[in-house]
Structure formats: C-alpha cells, structure tokens
Amino acid sequence: MNTPDKQHKQAQHIGKGMIIAAWVLLLILLTWFFNDRLEQQRNPNRQISRATATDEIPEVRLLRNRSGHYVASGEINGQPVEFMLDTGATDVSIPAGIADRLGLKRGRQQYYQTANGTVSAWQTVADEIRLGPLRIGPVRASINPNARNDSVLLGMSFLKQLDFKQQGNTLTLKYAQ
C-alpha cells in the first residue's frame, strides 16, 4: 500500500507535470499568436475584400505593409500566390519554383535590367491573374530562376491595365477606363 508520504510525493510530481504542461501550452499559444501578428504585418492584404466604387466598377484597396511595400494574396491561373506590387518591373516576375508549381511553360530566354544588375529569365504567359475581384488575362510574365523569395512581383504587364491611386498607406486599384 501507498503511504501518505508516497501519495503526497506522487501528487507533487503530477502537479509539477501539470504546471510544466501549462507553461508549454502557453508558450505554444503565444508563439502562434505572435507569428500570426507578424504575418499580418508582412502581408496585411491576405484577405482582399471586394470594394465597389461609386460608379459600380470593382476596386481593391491594399494596405502598405510595415516595410512600405504593397503585398497581397491573389491567384495565377486559379492557384494561390503572394504578390508584391512593383511598378518598376516591366513584367510580372514569377520565381522558378512557383512557376513550376503553376505548370507555366518556359519560353524564350530574355535578359532584364534590374536594380541588382542584369538577370536572365524565361518569357511565359499567365492565362489569368486575379487580385481580389480584379481579373486580367492573358498577362505577359517572366520566370525568374534567381528569385530569392516566394513573392511574385506584380509588374506593369498587369498593372498598366488598371488605374491606381495612393492615399496615405492605402493603394486603390480598379479597371482602367
């Protein structure tokens, strides 16, 4: 039989285990919460809602992220991607890994002048690019084997077909008239 002293030690051991489990659970929840907050700051436009201007033309309002960029979730050929808007990019620039996932075909090799020098990329065409309610296609794009992140640069081959206006930290995009 267990003596009262043994039972007391066993209860203390279980109590310590419960306290440790509670702290581990708290740390997991805090990590999850703060990772979500950091992701929201990096891409404040994960969920783009449909906004309609007074003239019934669909528009999208994007918030600038903490680094001063417009990052948004969207789709290429019906597949989810993350965009970084780049008015300095001639084409939509798709990292090679994402292009492979999307099944995009590599066309003719071409050279582009970037802020980091000359890069080679393959020409391709996206059947449709979607940013919230805005859908444009086909869109000229390039497959960039040197891209170091998982964001698609949403360049002027897409943006030139839209009117955009910036006010403060908000960029409004709608179909060009």
N, C-alpha and C. Protein backbone atom coordinates (compact mmCIF):
# COMPACT_ATOMS: atom_id res chain seq x y z
N MET A 1 0.83 -1.19 0.00
CA MET A 1 0.00 0.00 0.00
C MET A 1 0.87 1.24 0.00
N ASN A 2 0.28 2.30 -0.53
CA ASN A 2 0.98 3.58 -0.54
C ASN A 2 0.84 4.24 0.81
N THR A 3 1.92 4.76 1.24
CA THR A 3 1.87 5.51 2.48
C THR A 3 1.46 6.92 2.16
N PRO A 4 0.94 7.67 3.12
CA PRO A 4 0.55 9.07 2.86
C PRO A 4 1.70 9.90 2.31
N ASP A 5 2.93 9.63 2.75
CA ASP A 5 4.08 10.39 2.26
C ASP A 5 4.33 10.11 0.77
N LYS A 6 4.20 8.84 0.38
CA LYS A 6 4.38 8.46 -1.02
C LYS A 6 3.28 9.08 -1.89
N GLN A 7 2.06 9.10 -1.39
CA GLN A 7 0.94 9.70 -2.12
C GLN A 7 1.16 11.20 -2.29
N HIS A 8 1.67 11.84 -1.25
CA HIS A 8 1.95 13.28 -1.31
C HIS A 8 3.02 13.58 -2.36
N LYS A 9 4.09 12.78 -2.40
CA LYS A 9 5.15 12.98 -3.39
C LYS A 9 4.63 12.74 -4.80
N GLN A 10 3.77 11.73 -4.94
CA GLN A 10 3.20 11.44 -6.25
C GLN A 10 2.31 12.60 -6.72
N ALA A 11 1.54 13.17 -5.81
CA ALA A 11 0.67 14.31 -6.14
C ALA A 11 1.52 15.53 -6.50
N GLN A 12 2.61 15.73 -5.79
CA GLN A 12 3.51 16.84 -6.12
C GLN A 12 4.12 16.66 -7.51
N HIS A 13 4.51 15.45 -7.82
CA HIS A 13 5.09 15.14 -9.12
C HIS A 13 4.07 15.40 -10.24
N ILE A 14 2.86 14.97 -10.06
CA ILE A 14 1.79 15.22 -11.04
C ILE A 14 1.52 16.71 -11.15
N GLY A 15 1.50 17.41 -10.02
CA GLY A 15 1.27 18.87 -10.02
C GLY A 15 2.36 19.60 -10.79
N LYS A 16 3.62 19.21 -10.60
CA LYS A 16 4.72 19.82 -11.33
C LYS A 16 4.57 19.56 -12.83
N GLY A 17 4.19 18.34 -13.17
CA GLY A 17 3.98 18.00 -14.58
C GLY A 17 2.87 18.84 -15.20
N MET A 18 1.81 19.07 -14.46
CA MET A 18 0.70 19.90 -14.96
C MET A 18 1.15 21.35 -15.14
N ILE A 19 1.95 21.85 -14.22
CA ILE A 19 2.44 23.22 -14.34
C ILE A 19 3.34 23.35 -15.57
N ILE A 20 4.23 22.38 -15.77
CA ILE A 20 5.10 22.41 -16.95
C ILE A 20 4.27 22.34 -18.22
N ALA A 21 3.27 21.46 -18.25
CA ALA A 21 2.41 21.34 -19.43
C ALA A 21 1.67 22.65 -19.69
N ALA A 22 1.21 23.32 -18.63
CA ALA A 22 0.51 24.59 -18.80
C ALA A 22 1.45 25.65 -19.38
N TRP A 23 2.69 25.71 -18.91
CA TRP A 23 3.65 26.67 -19.44
C TRP A 23 3.98 26.38 -20.90
N VAL A 24 4.16 25.10 -21.23
CA VAL A 24 4.45 24.73 -22.63
C VAL A 24 3.28 25.13 -23.51
N LEU A 25 2.05 24.85 -23.07
CA LEU A 25 0.86 25.23 -23.84
C LEU A 25 0.79 26.74 -24.00
N LEU A 26 1.07 27.48 -22.94
CA LEU A 26 1.06 28.95 -23.02
C LEU A 26 2.10 29.44 -24.02
N LEU A 27 3.30 28.88 -24.00
CA LEU A 27 4.34 29.29 -24.95
C LEU A 27 3.93 28.97 -26.39
N ILE A 28 3.30 27.82 -26.62
CA ILE A 28 2.85 27.46 -27.96
C ILE A 28 1.79 28.45 -28.43
N LEU A 29 0.83 28.77 -27.57
CA LEU A 29 -0.22 29.73 -27.94
C LEU A 29 0.34 31.12 -28.20
N LEU A 30 1.28 31.57 -27.39
CA LEU A 30 1.90 32.89 -27.62
C LEU A 30 2.69 32.91 -28.92
N THR A 31 3.42 31.83 -29.20
CA THR A 31 4.17 31.75 -30.46
C THR A 31 3.22 31.81 -31.64
N TRP A 32 2.15 31.05 -31.58
CA TRP A 32 1.15 31.06 -32.66
C TRP A 32 0.55 32.45 -32.82
N PHE A 33 0.19 33.11 -31.71
CA PHE A 33 -0.42 34.44 -31.77
C PHE A 33 0.54 35.46 -32.39
N PHE A 34 1.79 35.48 -31.92
CA PHE A 34 2.74 36.47 -32.42
C PHE A 34 3.19 36.18 -33.85
N ASN A 35 3.30 34.91 -34.23
CA ASN A 35 3.60 34.59 -35.63
C ASN A 35 2.49 35.08 -36.54
N ASP A 36 1.24 34.93 -36.12
CA ASP A 36 0.12 35.42 -36.90
C ASP A 36 0.16 36.94 -37.00
N ARG A 37 0.49 37.62 -35.92
CA ARG A 37 0.59 39.08 -35.95
C ARG A 37 1.72 39.54 -36.88
N LEU A 38 2.87 38.86 -36.84
CA LEU A 38 3.98 39.22 -37.72
C LEU A 38 3.60 38.98 -39.18
N GLU A 39 2.92 37.88 -39.46
CA GLU A 39 2.48 37.60 -40.83
C GLU A 39 1.48 38.66 -41.30
N GLN A 40 0.61 39.09 -40.41
CA GLN A 40 -0.37 40.14 -40.75
C GLN A 40 0.34 41.46 -41.05
N GLN A 41 1.43 41.74 -40.35
CA GLN A 41 2.20 42.96 -40.62
C GLN A 41 2.95 42.85 -41.95
N ARG A 42 3.44 41.64 -42.28
CA ARG A 42 4.17 41.43 -43.53
C ARG A 42 3.22 41.46 -44.72
N ASN A 43 2.05 40.84 -44.60
CA ASN A 43 1.05 40.83 -45.66
C ASN A 43 -0.31 41.20 -45.07
N PRO A 44 -0.58 42.50 -44.97
CA PRO A 44 -1.87 42.93 -44.39
C PRO A 44 -3.04 42.71 -45.34
N ASN A 45 -2.77 42.18 -46.54
CA ASN A 45 -3.81 42.01 -47.55
C ASN A 45 -4.00 40.53 -47.89
N ARG A 46 -3.98 39.68 -46.85
CA ARG A 46 -4.16 38.24 -47.09
C ARG A 46 -5.59 37.95 -47.54
N GLN A 47 -6.53 38.66 -47.01
CA GLN A 47 -7.93 38.51 -47.40
C GLN A 47 -8.36 39.82 -48.06
N ILE A 48 -8.46 39.80 -49.38
CA ILE A 48 -8.86 41.01 -50.11
C ILE A 48 -10.37 40.98 -50.28
N SER A 49 -11.01 41.98 -49.72
CA SER A 49 -12.46 42.03 -49.87
C SER A 49 -12.82 42.89 -51.07
N ARG A 50 -13.96 42.59 -51.62
CA ARG A 50 -14.42 43.33 -52.79
C ARG A 50 -14.93 44.69 -52.33
N ALA A 51 -14.40 45.71 -52.95
CA ALA A 51 -14.87 47.07 -52.69
C ALA A 51 -15.42 47.59 -54.01
N THR A 52 -16.47 48.35 -53.95
CA THR A 52 -17.07 48.89 -55.16
C THR A 52 -17.07 50.40 -55.08
N ALA A 53 -16.54 51.01 -56.11
CA ALA A 53 -16.54 52.47 -56.18
C ALA A 53 -17.96 52.95 -56.46
N THR A 54 -18.16 54.24 -56.40
CA THR A 54 -19.50 54.80 -56.60
C THR A 54 -20.03 54.53 -58.00
N ASP A 55 -19.16 54.33 -58.99
CA ASP A 55 -19.61 54.07 -60.35
C ASP A 55 -19.73 52.57 -60.64
N GLU A 56 -19.80 51.74 -59.59
CA GLU A 56 -20.00 50.29 -59.69
C GLU A 56 -18.87 49.53 -60.35
N ILE A 57 -17.71 50.12 -60.48
CA ILE A 57 -16.54 49.41 -61.00
C ILE A 57 -15.84 48.77 -59.81
N PRO A 58 -15.59 47.45 -59.87
CA PRO A 58 -14.92 46.82 -58.74
C PRO A 58 -13.53 47.41 -58.52
N GLU A 59 -13.17 47.51 -57.27
CA GLU A 59 -11.84 48.02 -56.94
C GLU A 59 -11.31 47.26 -55.75
N VAL A 60 -10.01 47.37 -55.59
CA VAL A 60 -9.30 46.73 -54.49
C VAL A 60 -8.54 47.80 -53.74
N ARG A 61 -8.62 47.74 -52.42
CA ARG A 61 -7.84 48.65 -51.58
C ARG A 61 -6.81 47.84 -50.81
N LEU A 62 -5.55 48.18 -51.02
CA LEU A 62 -4.46 47.47 -50.37
C LEU A 62 -3.80 48.37 -49.34
N LEU A 63 -3.45 47.78 -48.21
CA LEU A 63 -2.72 48.49 -47.17
C LEU A 63 -1.23 48.23 -47.33
N ARG A 64 -0.44 49.26 -47.11
CA ARG A 64 1.01 49.13 -47.18
C ARG A 64 1.47 48.34 -45.96
N ASN A 65 2.46 47.46 -46.16
CA ASN A 65 2.94 46.69 -45.02
C ASN A 65 3.96 47.50 -44.22
N ARG A 66 4.43 46.92 -43.18
CA ARG A 66 5.34 47.58 -42.26
C ARG A 66 6.63 48.05 -42.93
N SER A 67 7.05 47.35 -44.00
CA SER A 67 8.27 47.70 -44.72
C SER A 67 8.03 48.72 -45.82
N GLY A 68 6.79 49.15 -46.00
CA GLY A 68 6.47 50.14 -47.02
C GLY A 68 6.07 49.56 -48.36
N HIS A 69 5.87 48.25 -48.43
CA HIS A 69 5.51 47.58 -49.69
C HIS A 69 4.02 47.22 -49.69
N TYR A 70 3.51 47.04 -50.89
CA TYR A 70 2.14 46.53 -51.03
C TYR A 70 2.24 45.05 -51.36
N VAL A 71 1.93 44.22 -50.40
CA VAL A 71 1.95 42.77 -50.53
C VAL A 71 0.52 42.29 -50.40
N ALA A 72 0.12 41.37 -51.29
CA ALA A 72 -1.26 40.90 -51.26
C ALA A 72 -1.34 39.46 -51.75
N SER A 73 -2.32 38.75 -51.26
CA SER A 73 -2.59 37.40 -51.74
C SER A 73 -3.48 37.47 -52.97
N GLY A 74 -3.23 36.59 -53.92
CA GLY A 74 -4.02 36.55 -55.14
C GLY A 74 -3.88 35.20 -55.80
N GLU A 75 -4.14 35.15 -57.10
CA GLU A 75 -4.07 33.89 -57.83
C GLU A 75 -3.46 34.09 -59.21
N ILE A 76 -2.75 33.07 -59.65
CA ILE A 76 -2.32 32.96 -61.05
C ILE A 76 -2.87 31.65 -61.56
N ASN A 77 -3.63 31.72 -62.64
CA ASN A 77 -4.25 30.53 -63.24
C ASN A 77 -5.01 29.71 -62.19
N GLY A 78 -5.68 30.42 -61.29
CA GLY A 78 -6.51 29.76 -60.28
C GLY A 78 -5.76 29.19 -59.09
N GLN A 79 -4.44 29.37 -59.03
CA GLN A 79 -3.63 28.85 -57.93
C GLN A 79 -3.20 30.01 -57.02
N PRO A 80 -3.25 29.82 -55.70
CA PRO A 80 -2.89 30.91 -54.79
C PRO A 80 -1.41 31.25 -54.83
N VAL A 81 -1.14 32.56 -54.82
CA VAL A 81 0.23 33.08 -54.76
C VAL A 81 0.21 34.35 -53.91
N GLU A 82 1.39 34.81 -53.58
CA GLU A 82 1.52 36.09 -52.89
C GLU A 82 2.21 37.07 -53.84
N PHE A 83 1.62 38.24 -53.98
CA PHE A 83 2.16 39.27 -54.86
C PHE A 83 2.83 40.37 -54.05
N MET A 84 3.89 40.95 -54.65
CA MET A 84 4.42 42.22 -54.19
C MET A 84 4.32 43.15 -55.39
N LEU A 85 3.56 44.23 -55.25
CA LEU A 85 3.38 45.16 -56.36
C LEU A 85 4.68 45.90 -56.61
N ASP A 86 5.05 45.97 -57.90
CA ASP A 86 6.32 46.58 -58.27
C ASP A 86 6.14 47.34 -59.57
N THR A 87 5.91 48.65 -59.47
CA THR A 87 5.70 49.46 -60.66
C THR A 87 6.99 49.62 -61.47
N GLY A 88 8.13 49.24 -60.90
CA GLY A 88 9.39 49.31 -61.62
C GLY A 88 9.69 48.07 -62.43
N ALA A 89 8.88 47.03 -62.27
CA ALA A 89 9.08 45.79 -63.02
C ALA A 89 8.27 45.85 -64.31
N THR A 90 8.90 45.57 -65.43
CA THR A 90 8.23 45.59 -66.73
C THR A 90 7.15 44.52 -66.79
N ASP A 91 7.49 43.31 -66.39
CA ASP A 91 6.58 42.18 -66.45
C ASP A 91 6.26 41.68 -65.05
N VAL A 92 5.29 40.80 -64.99
CA VAL A 92 5.07 40.03 -63.77
C VAL A 92 6.24 39.05 -63.70
N SER A 93 6.94 39.02 -62.57
CA SER A 93 8.12 38.18 -62.41
C SER A 93 7.80 37.07 -61.41
N ILE A 94 7.86 35.83 -61.90
CA ILE A 94 7.46 34.68 -61.11
C ILE A 94 8.69 33.85 -60.77
N PRO A 95 8.96 33.60 -59.48
CA PRO A 95 10.09 32.74 -59.12
C PRO A 95 9.93 31.36 -59.76
N ALA A 96 11.04 30.75 -60.16
CA ALA A 96 11.02 29.48 -60.89
C ALA A 96 10.26 28.39 -60.14
N GLY A 97 10.43 28.30 -58.84
CA GLY A 97 9.73 27.27 -58.06
C GLY A 97 8.22 27.42 -58.13
N ILE A 98 7.76 28.66 -58.08
CA ILE A 98 6.31 28.91 -58.17
C ILE A 98 5.83 28.63 -59.59
N ALA A 99 6.62 29.02 -60.59
CA ALA A 99 6.25 28.76 -61.98
C ALA A 99 6.12 27.26 -62.23
N ASP A 100 7.02 26.48 -61.66
CA ASP A 100 6.94 25.02 -61.81
C ASP A 100 5.66 24.49 -61.16
N ARG A 101 5.35 24.99 -59.96
CA ARG A 101 4.12 24.56 -59.27
C ARG A 101 2.89 24.92 -60.08
N LEU A 102 2.92 26.07 -60.75
CA LEU A 102 1.78 26.52 -61.55
C LEU A 102 1.73 25.85 -62.92
N GLY A 103 2.78 25.15 -63.30
CA GLY A 103 2.82 24.48 -64.60
C GLY A 103 3.03 25.43 -65.76
N LEU A 104 3.69 26.57 -65.51
CA LEU A 104 3.95 27.53 -66.58
C LEU A 104 5.08 27.05 -67.48
N LYS A 105 4.92 27.26 -68.76
CA LYS A 105 5.92 26.82 -69.73
C LYS A 105 6.97 27.90 -69.92
N ARG A 106 8.21 27.45 -69.97
CA ARG A 106 9.31 28.38 -70.21
C ARG A 106 9.40 28.64 -71.70
N GLY A 107 9.40 29.91 -72.04
CA GLY A 107 9.53 30.31 -73.43
C GLY A 107 10.96 30.73 -73.72
N ARG A 108 11.09 31.72 -74.56
CA ARG A 108 12.39 32.24 -74.97
C ARG A 108 13.10 32.90 -73.79
N GLN A 109 14.41 32.71 -73.71
CA GLN A 109 15.18 33.35 -72.66
C GLN A 109 15.36 34.82 -73.00
N GLN A 110 15.25 35.65 -71.98
CA GLN A 110 15.38 37.10 -72.17
C GLN A 110 16.19 37.66 -71.01
N TYR A 111 16.78 38.83 -71.23
CA TYR A 111 17.58 39.47 -70.20
C TYR A 111 16.89 40.75 -69.74
N TYR A 112 16.89 40.97 -68.43
CA TYR A 112 16.23 42.13 -67.83
C TYR A 112 17.25 42.92 -67.02
N GLN A 113 17.12 44.24 -67.07
CA GLN A 113 17.94 45.12 -66.24
C GLN A 113 17.19 45.36 -64.94
N THR A 114 17.80 45.02 -63.83
CA THR A 114 17.18 45.22 -62.52
C THR A 114 18.09 46.09 -61.66
N ALA A 115 17.62 46.41 -60.48
CA ALA A 115 18.44 47.19 -59.54
C ALA A 115 19.68 46.40 -59.13
N ASN A 116 19.61 45.09 -59.25
CA ASN A 116 20.75 44.23 -58.89
C ASN A 116 21.58 43.82 -60.10
N GLY A 117 21.35 44.46 -61.24
CA GLY A 117 22.11 44.13 -62.45
C GLY A 117 21.26 43.36 -63.45
N THR A 118 21.92 42.78 -64.43
CA THR A 118 21.24 42.05 -65.48
C THR A 118 20.92 40.63 -65.01
N VAL A 119 19.68 40.20 -65.24
CA VAL A 119 19.29 38.83 -64.92
C VAL A 119 18.66 38.20 -66.16
N SER A 120 18.82 36.89 -66.25
CA SER A 120 18.17 36.18 -67.35
C SER A 120 16.92 35.50 -66.80
N ALA A 121 15.90 35.45 -67.63
CA ALA A 121 14.63 34.83 -67.25
C ALA A 121 13.99 34.28 -68.51
N TRP A 122 12.99 33.44 -68.34
CA TRP A 122 12.26 32.90 -69.47
C TRP A 122 10.92 33.61 -69.60
N GLN A 123 10.54 33.91 -70.82
CA GLN A 123 9.23 34.51 -71.05
C GLN A 123 8.16 33.44 -70.87
N THR A 124 7.00 33.87 -70.41
CA THR A 124 5.85 32.98 -70.27
C THR A 124 4.60 33.84 -70.32
N VAL A 125 3.45 33.20 -70.27
CA VAL A 125 2.18 33.91 -70.23
C VAL A 125 1.31 33.27 -69.17
N ALA A 126 0.74 34.09 -68.30
CA ALA A 126 -0.25 33.62 -67.33
C ALA A 126 -1.62 33.79 -67.96
N ASP A 127 -2.40 32.73 -67.97
CA ASP A 127 -3.74 32.81 -68.57
C ASP A 127 -4.59 33.85 -67.86
N GLU A 128 -4.49 33.88 -66.52
CA GLU A 128 -5.27 34.86 -65.76
C GLU A 128 -4.57 35.17 -64.44
N ILE A 129 -4.55 36.44 -64.09
CA ILE A 129 -4.06 36.87 -62.79
C ILE A 129 -5.23 37.53 -62.08
N ARG A 130 -5.41 37.13 -60.84
CA ARG A 130 -6.55 37.65 -60.06
C ARG A 130 -6.03 38.29 -58.78
N LEU A 131 -6.52 39.49 -58.54
CA LEU A 131 -6.24 40.22 -57.30
C LEU A 131 -7.59 40.67 -56.77
N GLY A 132 -8.12 39.93 -55.81
CA GLY A 132 -9.48 40.21 -55.34
C GLY A 132 -10.44 40.04 -56.50
N PRO A 133 -11.33 41.03 -56.72
CA PRO A 133 -12.29 40.91 -57.82
C PRO A 133 -11.71 41.29 -59.18
N LEU A 134 -10.47 41.76 -59.21
CA LEU A 134 -9.85 42.17 -60.48
C LEU A 134 -9.21 40.96 -61.15
N ARG A 135 -9.64 40.69 -62.38
CA ARG A 135 -9.12 39.55 -63.15
C ARG A 135 -8.65 40.07 -64.50
N ILE A 136 -7.40 39.74 -64.84
CA ILE A 136 -6.84 40.18 -66.11
C ILE A 136 -6.08 39.00 -66.73
N GLY A 137 -6.26 38.82 -68.02
CA GLY A 137 -5.55 37.75 -68.68
C GLY A 137 -5.84 37.74 -70.16
N PRO A 138 -4.99 37.19 -70.92
CA PRO A 138 -3.66 36.69 -70.56
C PRO A 138 -2.70 37.83 -70.23
N VAL A 139 -1.70 37.52 -69.42
CA VAL A 139 -0.73 38.52 -68.96
C VAL A 139 0.68 38.03 -69.25
N ARG A 140 1.48 38.89 -69.88
CA ARG A 140 2.89 38.58 -70.13
C ARG A 140 3.63 38.50 -68.79
N ALA A 141 4.48 37.50 -68.66
CA ALA A 141 5.23 37.32 -67.42
C ALA A 141 6.60 36.74 -67.73
N SER A 142 7.42 36.66 -66.72
CA SER A 142 8.73 36.02 -66.86
C SER A 142 8.95 35.08 -65.69
N ILE A 143 9.70 34.04 -65.96
CA ILE A 143 10.06 33.07 -64.93
C ILE A 143 11.49 33.37 -64.52
N ASN A 144 11.66 33.74 -63.25
CA ASN A 144 12.95 34.20 -62.75
C ASN A 144 13.61 33.09 -61.92
N PRO A 145 14.68 32.47 -62.44
CA PRO A 145 15.35 31.41 -61.69
C PRO A 145 16.18 31.94 -60.53
N ASN A 146 16.40 33.25 -60.47
CA ASN A 146 17.25 33.85 -59.44
C ASN A 146 16.48 34.45 -58.28
N ALA A 147 15.15 34.39 -58.31
CA ALA A 147 14.36 35.00 -57.24
C ALA A 147 14.65 34.31 -55.92
N ARG A 148 14.82 35.10 -54.88
CA ARG A 148 15.22 34.55 -53.58
C ARG A 148 14.07 34.48 -52.58
N ASN A 149 12.87 34.79 -53.02
CA ASN A 149 11.74 34.70 -52.10
C ASN A 149 10.56 34.06 -52.81
N ASP A 150 9.45 33.95 -52.13
CA ASP A 150 8.28 33.30 -52.69
C ASP A 150 7.20 34.28 -53.10
N SER A 151 7.56 35.53 -53.30
CA SER A 151 6.59 36.52 -53.76
C SER A 151 6.73 36.73 -55.25
N VAL A 152 5.59 36.82 -55.92
CA VAL A 152 5.56 37.14 -57.34
C VAL A 152 5.56 38.66 -57.45
N LEU A 153 6.47 39.21 -58.24
CA LEU A 153 6.47 40.66 -58.46
C LEU A 153 5.37 40.98 -59.47
N LEU A 154 4.40 41.74 -59.03
CA LEU A 154 3.27 42.10 -59.89
C LEU A 154 3.65 43.38 -60.62
N GLY A 155 4.22 43.20 -61.81
CA GLY A 155 4.77 44.32 -62.57
C GLY A 155 3.77 44.96 -63.50
N MET A 156 4.30 45.81 -64.37
CA MET A 156 3.46 46.67 -65.21
C MET A 156 2.69 45.92 -66.29
N SER A 157 3.10 44.71 -66.68
CA SER A 157 2.30 43.98 -67.67
C SER A 157 0.90 43.69 -67.12
N PHE A 158 0.74 43.67 -65.81
CA PHE A 158 -0.57 43.56 -65.16
C PHE A 158 -1.10 44.94 -64.77
N LEU A 159 -0.27 45.72 -64.09
CA LEU A 159 -0.71 46.99 -63.51
C LEU A 159 -1.09 48.05 -64.54
N LYS A 160 -0.51 47.99 -65.75
CA LYS A 160 -0.82 49.01 -66.76
C LYS A 160 -2.27 48.93 -67.21
N GLN A 161 -2.94 47.86 -66.91
CA GLN A 161 -4.33 47.69 -67.30
C GLN A 161 -5.29 48.18 -66.22
N LEU A 162 -4.73 48.78 -65.18
CA LEU A 162 -5.52 49.27 -64.05
C LEU A 162 -5.23 50.75 -63.80
N ASP A 163 -6.20 51.41 -63.20
CA ASP A 163 -5.97 52.73 -62.63
C ASP A 163 -5.61 52.51 -61.18
N PHE A 164 -4.59 53.22 -60.70
CA PHE A 164 -4.29 53.10 -59.28
C PHE A 164 -4.00 54.45 -58.68
N LYS A 165 -4.39 54.56 -57.40
CA LYS A 165 -4.24 55.82 -56.68
C LYS A 165 -3.80 55.50 -55.26
N GLN A 166 -2.80 56.25 -54.81
CA GLN A 166 -2.30 56.05 -53.46
C GLN A 166 -2.70 57.24 -52.59
N GLN A 167 -3.24 56.93 -51.43
CA GLN A 167 -3.54 57.95 -50.42
C GLN A 167 -3.06 57.41 -49.10
N GLY A 168 -2.10 58.08 -48.51
CA GLY A 168 -1.55 57.61 -47.24
C GLY A 168 -0.96 56.22 -47.41
N ASN A 169 -1.42 55.29 -46.59
CA ASN A 169 -0.93 53.91 -46.63
C ASN A 169 -1.85 52.99 -47.42
N THR A 170 -2.73 53.55 -48.23
CA THR A 170 -3.69 52.76 -48.98
C THR A 170 -3.51 52.97 -50.48
N LEU A 171 -3.47 51.88 -51.21
CA LEU A 171 -3.40 51.90 -52.67
C LEU A 171 -4.71 51.33 -53.20
N THR A 172 -5.40 52.11 -54.04
CA THR A 172 -6.66 51.67 -54.62
C THR A 172 -6.44 51.32 -56.09
N LEU A 173 -6.86 50.14 -56.48
CA LEU A 173 -6.73 49.65 -57.85
C LEU A 173 -8.12 49.38 -58.42
N LYS A 174 -8.33 49.76 -59.68
CA LYS A 174 -9.58 49.41 -60.35
C LYS A 174 -9.30 49.36 -61.85
N TYR A 175 -10.24 48.75 -62.59
CA TYR A 175 -10.05 48.63 -64.03
C TYR A 175 -9.90 50.02 -64.64
N ALA A 176 -8.98 50.14 -65.61
CA ALA A 176 -8.78 51.40 -66.32
C ALA A 176 -9.98 51.65 -67.23
N GLN A 177 -10.34 52.92 -67.34
CA GLN A 177 -11.48 53.27 -68.19
C GLN A 177 -11.03 54.00 -69.41
